[in-house]
Amino acid sequence: MSDPIQDIDTETLRTLLRECQEALRQVTTMDAESADVEAIRHLLKAQDLVSEFESLVQYDRAIAGRILHAALAALTNTQTVLAIKAELIRRAAANN
């Protein structure tokens, strides 16, 4: 059974790679003084991350939603970038 990524043409993979990298850049260039970043800093210092996140949901559901969305997007895009890069390297090696 072939990996579905192998069925995607190289130019499309390169486009997807650029889009994923741009999405990651957007997540990592948030305004350092924003309420979202302050909430993230607070969460990272928490002894119990889940309980603290639940408190954030109660305090400001919109911020909690944005943080969750950004985290999932970063995780997904990072995994996608790694898979695409591995496939492009595999193709380059196969062509040599």
Protein backbone atom coordinates (compact mmCIF):
# COMPACT_ATOMS: atom_id res chain seq x y z
CA MET A 1 0.00 0.00 0.00
CA SER A 2 1.48 3.34 -1.01
CA ASP A 3 1.69 6.40 1.20
CA PRO A 4 -0.83 9.01 -0.05
CA ILE A 5 1.86 11.70 0.00
CA GLN A 6 3.68 9.78 -2.72
CA ASP A 7 0.70 10.35 -5.02
CA ILE A 8 0.97 14.15 -4.81
CA ASP A 9 2.99 15.84 -7.53
CA THR A 10 6.17 17.64 -6.52
CA GLU A 11 4.96 21.16 -7.32
CA THR A 12 1.85 20.68 -5.19
CA LEU A 13 4.02 19.38 -2.35
CA ARG A 14 6.24 22.45 -2.60
CA THR A 15 3.17 24.70 -2.50
CA LEU A 16 1.78 22.85 0.54
CA LEU A 17 5.18 23.12 2.22
CA ARG A 18 5.28 26.91 1.72
CA GLU A 19 1.70 27.25 3.03
CA CYS A 20 2.42 25.17 6.13
CA GLN A 21 5.60 27.11 6.83
CA GLU A 22 3.69 30.39 6.50
CA ALA A 23 1.03 29.16 8.90
CA LEU A 24 3.74 28.29 11.42
CA ARG A 25 5.34 31.72 10.98
CA GLN A 26 2.00 33.36 11.74
CA VAL A 27 1.62 31.38 14.95
CA THR A 28 5.14 32.25 16.08
CA THR A 29 4.97 35.97 15.31
CA MET A 30 2.12 36.87 17.63
CA ASP A 31 2.35 40.27 19.34
CA ALA A 32 4.36 39.64 22.51
CA GLU A 33 2.11 42.01 24.46
CA SER A 34 -1.19 40.48 23.37
CA ALA A 35 -3.62 38.92 25.81
CA ASP A 36 -3.20 35.60 23.99
CA VAL A 37 0.56 35.56 24.56
CA GLU A 38 0.11 36.54 28.20
CA ALA A 39 -2.36 33.67 28.60
CA ILE A 40 0.11 31.26 26.97
CA ARG A 41 2.88 32.41 29.32
CA HIS A 42 0.56 31.86 32.28
CA LEU A 43 -0.41 28.39 31.05
CA LEU A 44 3.23 27.38 30.55
CA LYS A 45 4.02 28.28 34.16
CA ALA A 46 1.06 26.34 35.57
CA GLN A 47 1.61 23.23 37.69
CA ASP A 48 -1.56 21.68 36.26
CA LEU A 49 -1.92 22.75 32.65
CA VAL A 50 -5.32 21.12 32.11
CA SER A 51 -6.91 22.72 35.16
CA GLU A 52 -5.41 26.09 34.27
CA PHE A 53 -6.71 25.78 30.70
CA GLU A 54 -10.17 24.93 32.05
CA SER A 55 -9.98 28.10 34.15
CA LEU A 56 -8.99 30.08 31.07
CA VAL A 57 -11.99 28.69 29.19
CA GLN A 58 -14.24 29.97 31.97
CA TYR A 59 -12.47 33.34 32.16
CA ASP A 60 -12.13 34.05 28.43
CA ARG A 61 -13.43 31.37 26.07
CA ALA A 62 -12.29 33.30 22.97
CA ILE A 63 -8.65 33.42 24.07
CA ALA A 64 -8.76 29.76 25.09
CA GLY A 65 -10.21 28.87 21.70
CA ARG A 66 -7.53 30.80 19.83
CA ILE A 67 -4.77 29.17 21.88
CA LEU A 68 -6.18 25.69 21.29
CA HIS A 69 -6.61 26.40 17.59
CA ALA A 70 -3.06 27.77 17.28
CA ALA A 71 -1.62 24.79 19.14
CA LEU A 72 -3.43 22.27 16.97
CA ALA A 73 -2.53 24.17 13.81
CA ALA A 74 1.13 24.30 14.84
CA LEU A 75 1.19 20.59 15.61
CA THR A 76 -0.56 19.66 12.36
CA ASN A 77 1.54 21.97 10.22
CA THR A 78 4.78 20.82 11.84
CA GLN A 79 3.92 17.18 11.14
CA THR A 80 2.95 18.07 7.57
CA VAL A 81 6.20 19.99 6.99
CA LEU A 82 8.22 17.02 8.25
CA ALA A 83 6.32 14.57 6.03
CA ILE A 84 6.63 16.76 2.93
CA LYS A 85 10.34 17.37 3.48
CA ALA A 86 10.94 13.65 3.94
CA GLU A 87 9.05 12.90 0.72
CA LEU A 88 10.94 15.58 -1.24
CA ILE A 89 14.24 14.17 0.05
CA ARG A 90 13.13 10.65 -0.90
CA ARG A 91 12.27 11.85 -4.42
CA ALA A 92 15.56 13.69 -4.81
CA ALA A 93 17.49 10.59 -3.74
CA ALA A 94 15.49 8.41 -6.13
CA ASN A 95 16.31 10.77 -9.02
CA ASN A 96 20.08 10.61 -8.39
